[in-house]
Amino acid sequence: MEKKSVPFEKTVFVCTNTREGKVACANPGRGGAEVCHALKGAVKEAGLKHKIRVARSGCLDRCAEGPNLFVYPSGEWYSHVAPEDVPELLRKLS
């Protein structure tokens, strides 16, 4: 095992969990996967890939409030996120 420093200033965990028959952030029509895809693209387009890592996450245990995302290490939590929110999110992250 080799211990290293965290390679990114921030990591954004976006819930892309789906559940059949139950509410989940990335179920059809909920938008979790779309938010993740849009945020990854926005980070890349802004030239911030070396600073911000956008990662798909499993369930963050707040399905009814989703889509949800969590920012590490700042501990910021965003709920009811939509793809339209990505430009504002990117401004807050950078």
PDB file of N, CA and C in Angstrom:
ATOM      1  N   MET A   1       0.849  -1.171   0.000  1.00  0.00           N
ATOM      2  CA  MET A   1       0.000   0.000   0.000  1.00  0.00           C
ATOM      3  C   MET A   1       0.895   1.234   0.000  1.00  0.00           C
ATOM      4  N   GLU A   2       0.494   2.218  -0.777  1.00  0.00           N
ATOM      5  CA  GLU A   2       1.239   3.464  -0.871  1.00  0.00           C
ATOM      6  C   GLU A   2       0.310   4.625  -0.572  1.00  0.00           C
ATOM      7  N   LYS A   3       0.625   5.407   0.441  1.00  0.00           N
ATOM      8  CA  LYS A   3      -0.183   6.564   0.808  1.00  0.00           C
ATOM      9  C   LYS A   3       0.246   7.760  -0.034  1.00  0.00           C
ATOM     10  N   LYS A   4      -0.746   8.460  -0.611  1.00  0.00           N
ATOM     11  CA  LYS A   4      -0.475   9.636  -1.433  1.00  0.00           C
ATOM     12  C   LYS A   4      -1.427  10.756  -1.050  1.00  0.00           C
ATOM     13  N   SER A   5      -1.104  11.953  -1.489  1.00  0.00           N
ATOM     14  CA  SER A   5      -1.991  13.099  -1.298  1.00  0.00           C
ATOM     15  C   SER A   5      -3.175  12.987  -2.251  1.00  0.00           C
ATOM     16  N   VAL A   6      -4.263  13.612  -1.892  1.00  0.00           N
ATOM     17  CA  VAL A   6      -5.432  13.644  -2.765  1.00  0.00           C
ATOM     18  C   VAL A   6      -5.055  14.419  -4.024  1.00  0.00           C
ATOM     19  N   PRO A   7      -5.261  13.832  -5.215  1.00  0.00           N
ATOM     20  CA  PRO A   7      -4.793  14.473  -6.454  1.00  0.00           C
ATOM     21  C   PRO A   7      -5.681  15.607  -6.970  1.00  0.00           C
ATOM     22  N   PHE A   8      -6.825  15.838  -6.352  1.00  0.00           N
ATOM     23  CA  PHE A   8      -7.741  16.883  -6.813  1.00  0.00           C
ATOM     24  C   PHE A   8      -8.078  17.811  -5.657  1.00  0.00           C
ATOM     25  N   GLU A   9      -8.367  19.073  -5.972  1.00  0.00           N
ATOM     26  CA  GLU A   9      -8.785  20.011  -4.932  1.00  0.00           C
ATOM     27  C   GLU A   9     -10.170  19.659  -4.410  1.00  0.00           C
ATOM     28  N   LYS A  10     -11.037  19.210  -5.329  1.00  0.00           N
ATOM     29  CA  LYS A  10     -12.400  18.837  -4.948  1.00  0.00           C
ATOM     30  C   LYS A  10     -12.814  17.594  -5.719  1.00  0.00           C
ATOM     31  N   THR A  11     -13.604  16.776  -5.065  1.00  0.00           N
ATOM     32  CA  THR A  11     -14.244  15.640  -5.724  1.00  0.00           C
ATOM     33  C   THR A  11     -15.740  15.795  -5.516  1.00  0.00           C
ATOM     34  N   VAL A  12     -16.487  15.715  -6.603  1.00  0.00           N
ATOM     35  CA  VAL A  12     -17.942  15.845  -6.543  1.00  0.00           C
ATOM     36  C   VAL A  12     -18.536  14.469  -6.796  1.00  0.00           C
ATOM     37  N   PHE A  13     -19.224  13.944  -5.802  1.00  0.00           N
ATOM     38  CA  PHE A  13     -19.886  12.652  -5.922  1.00  0.00           C
ATOM     39  C   PHE A  13     -21.345  12.894  -6.289  1.00  0.00           C
ATOM     40  N   VAL A  14     -21.736  12.451  -7.479  1.00  0.00           N
ATOM     41  CA  VAL A  14     -23.098  12.644  -7.972  1.00  0.00           C
ATOM     42  C   VAL A  14     -23.813  11.298  -7.929  1.00  0.00           C
ATOM     43  N   CYS A  15     -24.931  11.240  -7.238  1.00  0.00           N
ATOM     44  CA  CYS A  15     -25.667   9.980  -7.144  1.00  0.00           C
ATOM     45  C   CYS A  15     -26.240   9.603  -8.507  1.00  0.00           C
ATOM     46  N   THR A  16     -25.866   8.421  -8.968  1.00  0.00           N
ATOM     47  CA  THR A  16     -26.407   7.885 -10.223  1.00  0.00           C
ATOM     48  C   THR A  16     -27.077   6.542  -9.962  1.00  0.00           C
ATOM     49  N   ASN A  17     -27.552   6.381  -8.736  1.00  0.00           N
ATOM     50  CA  ASN A  17     -28.196   5.131  -8.341  1.00  0.00           C
ATOM     51  C   ASN A  17     -29.597   5.020  -8.939  1.00  0.00           C
ATOM     52  N   THR A  18     -29.946   3.815  -9.352  1.00  0.00           N
ATOM     53  CA  THR A  18     -31.301   3.525  -9.836  1.00  0.00           C
ATOM     54  C   THR A  18     -31.894   2.406  -8.992  1.00  0.00           C
ATOM     55  N   ARG A  19     -33.206   2.398  -8.873  1.00  0.00           N
ATOM     56  CA  ARG A  19     -33.921   1.354  -8.135  1.00  0.00           C
ATOM     57  C   ARG A  19     -35.233   1.088  -8.844  1.00  0.00           C
ATOM     58  N   GLU A  20     -35.478  -0.142  -9.086  1.00  0.00           N
ATOM     59  CA  GLU A  20     -36.736  -0.512  -9.720  1.00  0.00           C
ATOM     60  C   GLU A  20     -37.854  -0.473  -8.683  1.00  0.00           C
ATOM     61  N   GLY A  21     -38.893   0.290  -8.988  1.00  0.00           N
ATOM     62  CA  GLY A  21     -40.052   0.365  -8.109  1.00  0.00           C
ATOM     63  C   GLY A  21     -39.900   1.287  -6.921  1.00  0.00           C
ATOM     64  N   LYS A  22     -38.767   1.959  -6.779  1.00  0.00           N
ATOM     65  CA  LYS A  22     -38.552   2.894  -5.679  1.00  0.00           C
ATOM     66  C   LYS A  22     -37.927   4.173  -6.222  1.00  0.00           C
ATOM     67  N   VAL A  23     -38.095   5.270  -5.508  1.00  0.00           N
ATOM     68  CA  VAL A  23     -37.502   6.542  -5.902  1.00  0.00           C
ATOM     69  C   VAL A  23     -35.987   6.445  -5.793  1.00  0.00           C
ATOM     70  N   ALA A  24     -35.282   6.944  -6.803  1.00  0.00           N
ATOM     71  CA  ALA A  24     -33.817   7.015  -6.784  1.00  0.00           C
ATOM     72  C   ALA A  24     -33.369   8.166  -7.673  1.00  0.00           C
ATOM     73  N   CYS A  25     -32.207   8.701  -7.386  1.00  0.00           N
ATOM     74  CA  CYS A  25     -31.706   9.898  -8.070  1.00  0.00           C
ATOM     75  C   CYS A  25     -31.597   9.762  -9.584  1.00  0.00           C
ATOM     76  N   ALA A  26     -31.264   8.575 -10.061  1.00  0.00           N
ATOM     77  CA  ALA A  26     -31.040   8.420 -11.502  1.00  0.00           C
ATOM     78  C   ALA A  26     -32.089   7.559 -12.189  1.00  0.00           C
ATOM     79  N   ASN A  27     -33.212   7.350 -11.529  1.00  0.00           N
ATOM     80  CA  ASN A  27     -34.303   6.652 -12.219  1.00  0.00           C
ATOM     81  C   ASN A  27     -34.744   7.498 -13.415  1.00  0.00           C
ATOM     82  N   PRO A  28     -35.338   6.880 -14.417  1.00  0.00           N
ATOM     83  CA  PRO A  28     -35.809   7.640 -15.577  1.00  0.00           C
ATOM     84  C   PRO A  28     -36.656   8.848 -15.158  1.00  0.00           C
ATOM     85  N   GLY A  29     -36.304  10.004 -15.708  1.00  0.00           N
ATOM     86  CA  GLY A  29     -37.046  11.221 -15.411  1.00  0.00           C
ATOM     87  C   GLY A  29     -36.556  11.979 -14.187  1.00  0.00           C
ATOM     88  N   ARG A  30     -35.639  11.400 -13.407  1.00  0.00           N
ATOM     89  CA  ARG A  30     -35.149  12.064 -12.196  1.00  0.00           C
ATOM     90  C   ARG A  30     -33.929  12.943 -12.467  1.00  0.00           C
ATOM     91  N   GLY A  31     -33.047  12.539 -13.391  1.00  0.00           N
ATOM     92  CA  GLY A  31     -31.969  13.407 -13.836  1.00  0.00           C
ATOM     93  C   GLY A  31     -30.592  13.214 -13.230  1.00  0.00           C
ATOM     94  N   GLY A  32     -30.401  12.266 -12.340  1.00  0.00           N
ATOM     95  CA  GLY A  32     -29.090  12.077 -11.719  1.00  0.00           C
ATOM     96  C   GLY A  32     -27.979  11.796 -12.712  1.00  0.00           C
ATOM     97  N   ALA A  33     -28.215  10.889 -13.638  1.00  0.00           N
ATOM     98  CA  ALA A  33     -27.193  10.559 -14.641  1.00  0.00           C
ATOM     99  C   ALA A  33     -26.931  11.755 -15.553  1.00  0.00           C
ATOM    100  N   GLU A  34     -27.965  12.488 -15.894  1.00  0.00           N
ATOM    101  CA  GLU A  34     -27.816  13.658 -16.754  1.00  0.00           C
ATOM    102  C   GLU A  34     -27.006  14.764 -16.055  1.00  0.00           C
ATOM    103  N   VAL A  35     -27.255  14.959 -14.762  1.00  0.00           N
ATOM    104  CA  VAL A  35     -26.492  15.941 -13.997  1.00  0.00           C
ATOM    105  C   VAL A  35     -25.015  15.561 -13.980  1.00  0.00           C
ATOM    106  N   CYS A  36     -24.739  14.296 -13.713  1.00  0.00           N
ATOM    107  CA  CYS A  36     -23.353  13.824 -13.680  1.00  0.00           C
ATOM    108  C   CYS A  36     -22.668  14.046 -15.020  1.00  0.00           C
ATOM    109  N   HIS A  37     -23.314  13.663 -16.088  1.00  0.00           N
ATOM    110  CA  HIS A  37     -22.752  13.810 -17.427  1.00  0.00           C
ATOM    111  C   HIS A  37     -22.504  15.289 -17.758  1.00  0.00           C
ATOM    112  N   ALA A  38     -23.481  16.139 -17.456  1.00  0.00           N
ATOM    113  CA  ALA A  38     -23.359  17.570 -17.755  1.00  0.00           C
ATOM    114  C   ALA A  38     -22.250  18.220 -16.927  1.00  0.00           C
ATOM    115  N   LEU A  39     -22.142  17.837 -15.658  1.00  0.00           N
ATOM    116  CA  LEU A  39     -21.122  18.424 -14.806  1.00  0.00           C
ATOM    117  C   LEU A  39     -19.727  17.967 -15.225  1.00  0.00           C
ATOM    118  N   LYS A  40     -19.585  16.698 -15.590  1.00  0.00           N
ATOM    119  CA  LYS A  40     -18.292  16.212 -16.094  1.00  0.00           C
ATOM    120  C   LYS A  40     -17.878  17.001 -17.337  1.00  0.00           C
ATOM    121  N   GLY A  41     -18.814  17.194 -18.248  1.00  0.00           N
ATOM    122  CA  GLY A  41     -18.527  17.946 -19.470  1.00  0.00           C
ATOM    123  C   GLY A  41     -18.169  19.389 -19.188  1.00  0.00           C
ATOM    124  N   ALA A  42     -18.869  20.011 -18.256  1.00  0.00           N
ATOM    125  CA  ALA A  42     -18.603  21.412 -17.924  1.00  0.00           C
ATOM    126  C   ALA A  42     -17.231  21.581 -17.282  1.00  0.00           C
ATOM    127  N   VAL A  43     -16.859  20.648 -16.418  1.00  0.00           N
ATOM    128  CA  VAL A  43     -15.541  20.695 -15.779  1.00  0.00           C
ATOM    129  C   VAL A  43     -14.445  20.560 -16.834  1.00  0.00           C
ATOM    130  N   LYS A  44     -14.636  19.631 -17.745  1.00  0.00           N
ATOM    131  CA  LYS A  44     -13.653  19.421 -18.814  1.00  0.00           C
ATOM    132  C   LYS A  44     -13.558  20.663 -19.705  1.00  0.00           C
ATOM    133  N   GLU A  45     -14.696  21.187 -20.121  1.00  0.00           N
ATOM    134  CA  GLU A  45     -14.730  22.349 -21.012  1.00  0.00           C
ATOM    135  C   GLU A  45     -14.092  23.579 -20.360  1.00  0.00           C
ATOM    136  N   ALA A  46     -14.228  23.706 -19.042  1.00  0.00           N
ATOM    137  CA  ALA A  46     -13.663  24.843 -18.329  1.00  0.00           C
ATOM    138  C   ALA A  46     -12.172  24.664 -18.027  1.00  0.00           C
ATOM    139  N   GLY A  47     -11.619  23.509 -18.407  1.00  0.00           N
ATOM    140  CA  GLY A  47     -10.205  23.252 -18.162  1.00  0.00           C
ATOM    141  C   GLY A  47      -9.880  22.986 -16.702  1.00  0.00           C
ATOM    142  N   LEU A  48     -10.832  22.430 -15.971  1.00  0.00           N
ATOM    143  CA  LEU A  48     -10.660  22.207 -14.533  1.00  0.00           C
ATOM    144  C   LEU A  48     -10.471  20.740 -14.150  1.00  0.00           C
ATOM    145  N   LYS A  49     -10.242  19.878 -15.137  1.00  0.00           N
ATOM    146  CA  LYS A  49     -10.118  18.443 -14.841  1.00  0.00           C
ATOM    147  C   LYS A  49      -8.980  18.135 -13.875  1.00  0.00           C
ATOM    148  N   HIS A  50      -7.961  18.961 -13.842  1.00  0.00           N
ATOM    149  CA  HIS A  50      -6.842  18.733 -12.933  1.00  0.00           C
ATOM    150  C   HIS A  50      -7.160  19.173 -11.501  1.00  0.00           C
ATOM    151  N   LYS A  51      -8.249  19.937 -11.317  1.00  0.00           N
ATOM    152  CA  LYS A  51      -8.634  20.434  -9.994  1.00  0.00           C
ATOM    153  C   LYS A  51      -9.886  19.773  -9.440  1.00  0.00           C
ATOM    154  N   ILE A  52     -10.843  19.482 -10.324  1.00  0.00           N
ATOM    155  CA  ILE A  52     -12.145  18.963  -9.880  1.00  0.00           C
ATOM    156  C   ILE A  52     -12.406  17.611 -10.521  1.00  0.00           C
ATOM    157  N   ARG A  53     -12.696  16.624  -9.703  1.00  0.00           N
ATOM    158  CA  ARG A  53     -13.054  15.283 -10.182  1.00  0.00           C
ATOM    159  C   ARG A  53     -14.537  15.084  -9.942  1.00  0.00           C
ATOM    160  N   VAL A  54     -15.266  14.743 -10.998  1.00  0.00           N
ATOM    161  CA  VAL A  54     -16.688  14.421 -10.884  1.00  0.00           C
ATOM    162  C   VAL A  54     -16.798  12.909 -10.964  1.00  0.00           C
ATOM    163  N   ALA A  55     -17.374  12.309  -9.933  1.00  0.00           N
ATOM    164  CA  ALA A  55     -17.465  10.854  -9.855  1.00  0.00           C
ATOM    165  C   ALA A  55     -18.902  10.411  -9.638  1.00  0.00           C
ATOM    166  N   ARG A  56     -19.273   9.348 -10.336  1.00  0.00           N
ATOM    167  CA  ARG A  56     -20.580   8.748 -10.093  1.00  0.00           C
ATOM    168  C   ARG A  56     -20.576   8.105  -8.715  1.00  0.00           C
ATOM    169  N   SER A  57     -21.689   8.207  -8.040  1.00  0.00           N
ATOM    170  CA  SER A  57     -21.805   7.651  -6.704  1.00  0.00           C
ATOM    171  C   SER A  57     -22.996   6.714  -6.652  1.00  0.00           C
ATOM    172  N   GLY A  58     -22.917   5.776  -5.758  1.00  0.00           N
ATOM    173  CA  GLY A  58     -24.078   4.964  -5.438  1.00  0.00           C
ATOM    174  C   GLY A  58     -25.009   5.792  -4.560  1.00  0.00           C
ATOM    175  N   CYS A  59     -25.928   5.142  -3.942  1.00  0.00           N
ATOM    176  CA  CYS A  59     -26.944   5.820  -3.139  1.00  0.00           C
ATOM    177  C   CYS A  59     -26.330   6.674  -2.038  1.00  0.00           C
ATOM    178  N   LEU A  60     -26.806   7.913  -1.931  1.00  0.00           N
ATOM    179  CA  LEU A  60     -26.386   8.827  -0.873  1.00  0.00           C
ATOM    180  C   LEU A  60     -27.446   8.912   0.226  1.00  0.00           C
ATOM    181  N   ASP A  61     -28.450   8.065   0.155  1.00  0.00           N
ATOM    182  CA  ASP A  61     -29.470   7.890   1.200  1.00  0.00           C
ATOM    183  C   ASP A  61     -30.399   9.079   1.391  1.00  0.00           C
ATOM    184  N   ARG A  62     -30.627   9.841   0.339  1.00  0.00           N
ATOM    185  CA  ARG A  62     -31.582  10.951   0.367  1.00  0.00           C
ATOM    186  C   ARG A  62     -32.372  10.958  -0.937  1.00  0.00           C
ATOM    187  N   CYS A  63     -32.842   9.800  -1.337  1.00  0.00           N
ATOM    188  CA  CYS A  63     -33.458   9.604  -2.650  1.00  0.00           C
ATOM    189  C   CYS A  63     -34.612  10.564  -2.940  1.00  0.00           C
ATOM    190  N   ALA A  64     -35.458  10.793  -1.969  1.00  0.00           N
ATOM    191  CA  ALA A  64     -36.622  11.647  -2.196  1.00  0.00           C
ATOM    192  C   ALA A  64     -36.232  13.094  -2.457  1.00  0.00           C
ATOM    193  N   GLU A  65     -35.025  13.491  -2.052  1.00  0.00           N
ATOM    194  CA  GLU A  65     -34.554  14.852  -2.241  1.00  0.00           C
ATOM    195  C   GLU A  65     -33.673  14.984  -3.482  1.00  0.00           C
ATOM    196  N   GLY A  66     -33.525  13.912  -4.234  1.00  0.00           N
ATOM    197  CA  GLY A  66     -32.577  13.866  -5.341  1.00  0.00           C
ATOM    198  C   GLY A  66     -33.060  14.524  -6.606  1.00  0.00           C
ATOM    199  N   PRO A  67     -32.143  14.579  -7.532  1.00  0.00           N
ATOM    200  CA  PRO A  67     -30.761  14.132  -7.491  1.00  0.00           C
ATOM    201  C   PRO A  67     -29.928  14.915  -6.474  1.00  0.00           C
ATOM    202  N   ASN A  68     -28.990  14.175  -5.871  1.00  0.00           N
ATOM    203  CA  ASN A  68     -28.120  14.715  -4.843  1.00  0.00           C
ATOM    204  C   ASN A  68     -26.673  14.652  -5.283  1.00  0.00           C
ATOM    205  N   LEU A  69     -25.881  15.585  -4.749  1.00  0.00           N
ATOM    206  CA  LEU A  69     -24.432  15.485  -4.933  1.00  0.00           C
ATOM    207  C   LEU A  69     -23.746  16.025  -3.693  1.00  0.00           C
ATOM    208  N   PHE A  70     -22.522  15.537  -3.486  1.00  0.00           N
ATOM    209  CA  PHE A  70     -21.734  15.846  -2.309  1.00  0.00           C
ATOM    210  C   PHE A  70     -20.334  16.274  -2.751  1.00  0.00           C
ATOM    211  N   VAL A  71     -19.844  17.364  -2.181  1.00  0.00           N
ATOM    212  CA  VAL A  71     -18.526  17.884  -2.544  1.00  0.00           C
ATOM    213  C   VAL A  71     -17.538  17.597  -1.415  1.00  0.00           C
ATOM    214  N   TYR A  72     -16.432  16.938  -1.769  1.00  0.00           N
ATOM    215  CA  TYR A  72     -15.374  16.631  -0.820  1.00  0.00           C
ATOM    216  C   TYR A  72     -14.165  17.481  -1.172  1.00  0.00           C
ATOM    217  N   PRO A  73     -13.454  18.070  -0.280  1.00  0.00           N
ATOM    218  CA  PRO A  73     -13.509  17.920   1.169  1.00  0.00           C
ATOM    219  C   PRO A  73     -14.352  18.964   1.881  1.00  0.00           C
ATOM    220  N   SER A  74     -14.991  19.879   1.164  1.00  0.00           N
ATOM    221  CA  SER A  74     -15.717  20.984   1.806  1.00  0.00           C
ATOM    222  C   SER A  74     -16.989  20.557   2.515  1.00  0.00           C
ATOM    223  N   GLY A  75     -17.531  19.389   2.167  1.00  0.00           N
ATOM    224  CA  GLY A  75     -18.733  18.905   2.832  1.00  0.00           C
ATOM    225  C   GLY A  75     -20.015  19.562   2.351  1.00  0.00           C
ATOM    226  N   GLU A  76     -19.976  20.197   1.198  1.00  0.00           N
ATOM    227  CA  GLU A  76     -21.191  20.819   0.647  1.00  0.00           C
ATOM    228  C   GLU A  76     -22.111  19.735   0.102  1.00  0.00           C
ATOM    229  N   TRP A  77     -23.400  19.924   0.288  1.00  0.00           N
ATOM    230  CA  TRP A  77     -24.410  18.974  -0.159  1.00  0.00           C
ATOM    231  C   TRP A  77     -25.447  19.738  -0.975  1.00  0.00           C
ATOM    232  N   TYR A  78     -25.782  19.216  -2.142  1.00  0.00           N
ATOM    233  CA  TYR A  78     -26.803  19.838  -2.989  1.00  0.00           C
ATOM    234  C   TYR A  78     -27.883  18.802  -3.294  1.00  0.00           C
ATOM    235  N   SER A  79     -29.130  19.224  -3.176  1.00  0.00           N
ATOM    236  CA  SER A  79     -30.277  18.359  -3.457  1.00  0.00           C
ATOM    237  C   SER A  79     -31.146  18.994  -4.533  1.00  0.00           C
ATOM    238  N   HIS A  80     -32.013  18.174  -5.115  1.00  0.00           N
ATOM    239  CA  HIS A  80     -32.928  18.640  -6.167  1.00  0.00           C
ATOM    240  C   HIS A  80     -32.143  19.300  -7.309  1.00  0.00           C
ATOM    241  N   VAL A  81     -31.001  18.727  -7.642  1.00  0.00           N
ATOM    242  CA  VAL A  81     -30.133  19.280  -8.685  1.00  0.00           C
ATOM    243  C   VAL A  81     -30.661  18.868 -10.056  1.00  0.00           C
ATOM    244  N   ALA A  82     -30.638  19.806 -10.988  1.00  0.00           N
ATOM    245  CA  ALA A  82     -31.065  19.559 -12.365  1.00  0.00           C
ATOM    246  C   ALA A  82     -29.922  19.931 -13.304  1.00  0.00           C
ATOM    247  N   PRO A  83     -29.923  19.380 -14.511  1.00  0.00           N
ATOM    248  CA  PRO A  83     -28.866  19.739 -15.469  1.00  0.00           C
ATOM    249  C   PRO A  83     -28.737  21.252 -15.679  1.00  0.00           C
ATOM    250  N   GLU A  84     -29.842  21.978 -15.562  1.00  0.00           N
ATOM    251  CA  GLU A  84     -29.811  23.433 -15.728  1.00  0.00           C
ATOM    252  C   GLU A  84     -28.999  24.117 -14.634  1.00  0.00           C
ATOM    253  N   ASP A  85     -28.775  23.432 -13.504  1.00  0.00           N
ATOM    254  CA  ASP A  85     -28.024  23.992 -12.381  1.00  0.00           C
ATOM    255  C   ASP A  85     -26.512  23.898 -12.570  1.00  0.00           C
ATOM    256  N   VAL A  86     -26.062  23.166 -13.571  1.00  0.00           N
ATOM    257  CA  VAL A  86     -24.632  22.902 -13.747  1.00  0.00           C
ATOM    258  C   VAL A  86     -23.796  24.174 -13.887  1.00  0.00           C
ATOM    259  N   PRO A  87     -24.188  25.179 -14.682  1.00  0.00           N
ATOM    260  CA  PRO A  87     -23.357  26.384 -14.754  1.00  0.00           C
ATOM    261  C   PRO A  87     -23.158  27.058 -13.396  1.00  0.00           C
ATOM    262  N   GLU A  88     -24.211  27.147 -12.592  1.00  0.00           N
ATOM    263  CA  GLU A  88     -24.102  27.732 -11.254  1.00  0.00           C
ATOM    264  C   GLU A  88     -23.227  26.861 -10.351  1.00  0.00           C
ATOM    265  N   LEU A  89     -23.420  25.557 -10.419  1.00  0.00           N
ATOM    266  CA  LEU A  89     -22.590  24.640  -9.632  1.00  0.00           C
ATOM    267  C   LEU A  89     -21.109  24.809  -9.978  1.00  0.00           C
ATOM    268  N   LEU A  90     -20.812  24.892 -11.253  1.00  0.00           N
ATOM    269  CA  LEU A  90     -19.431  25.044 -11.685  1.00  0.00           C
ATOM    270  C   LEU A  90     -18.826  26.334 -11.137  1.00  0.00           C
ATOM    271  N   ARG A  91     -19.595  27.411 -11.135  1.00  0.00           N
ATOM    272  CA  ARG A  91     -19.117  28.684 -10.562  1.00  0.00           C
ATOM    273  C   ARG A  91     -18.806  28.516  -9.072  1.00  0.00           C
ATOM    274  N   LYS A  92     -19.652  27.789  -8.370  1.00  0.00           N
ATOM    275  CA  LYS A  92     -19.440  27.574  -6.935  1.00  0.00           C
ATOM    276  C   LYS A  92     -18.249  26.670  -6.663  1.00  0.00           C
ATOM    277  N   LEU A  93     -17.994  25.745  -7.561  1.00  0.00           N
ATOM    278  CA  LEU A  93     -16.898  24.794  -7.381  1.00  0.00           C
ATOM    279  C   LEU A  93     -15.536  25.369  -7.733  1.00  0.00           C
ATOM    280  N   SER A  94     -15.520  26.332  -8.651  1.00  0.00           N
ATOM    281  CA  SER A  94     -14.220  26.847  -9.112  1.00  0.00           C
ATOM    282  C   SER A  94     -13.775  28.078  -8.355  1.00  0.00           C
TER     283      SER A  94
END
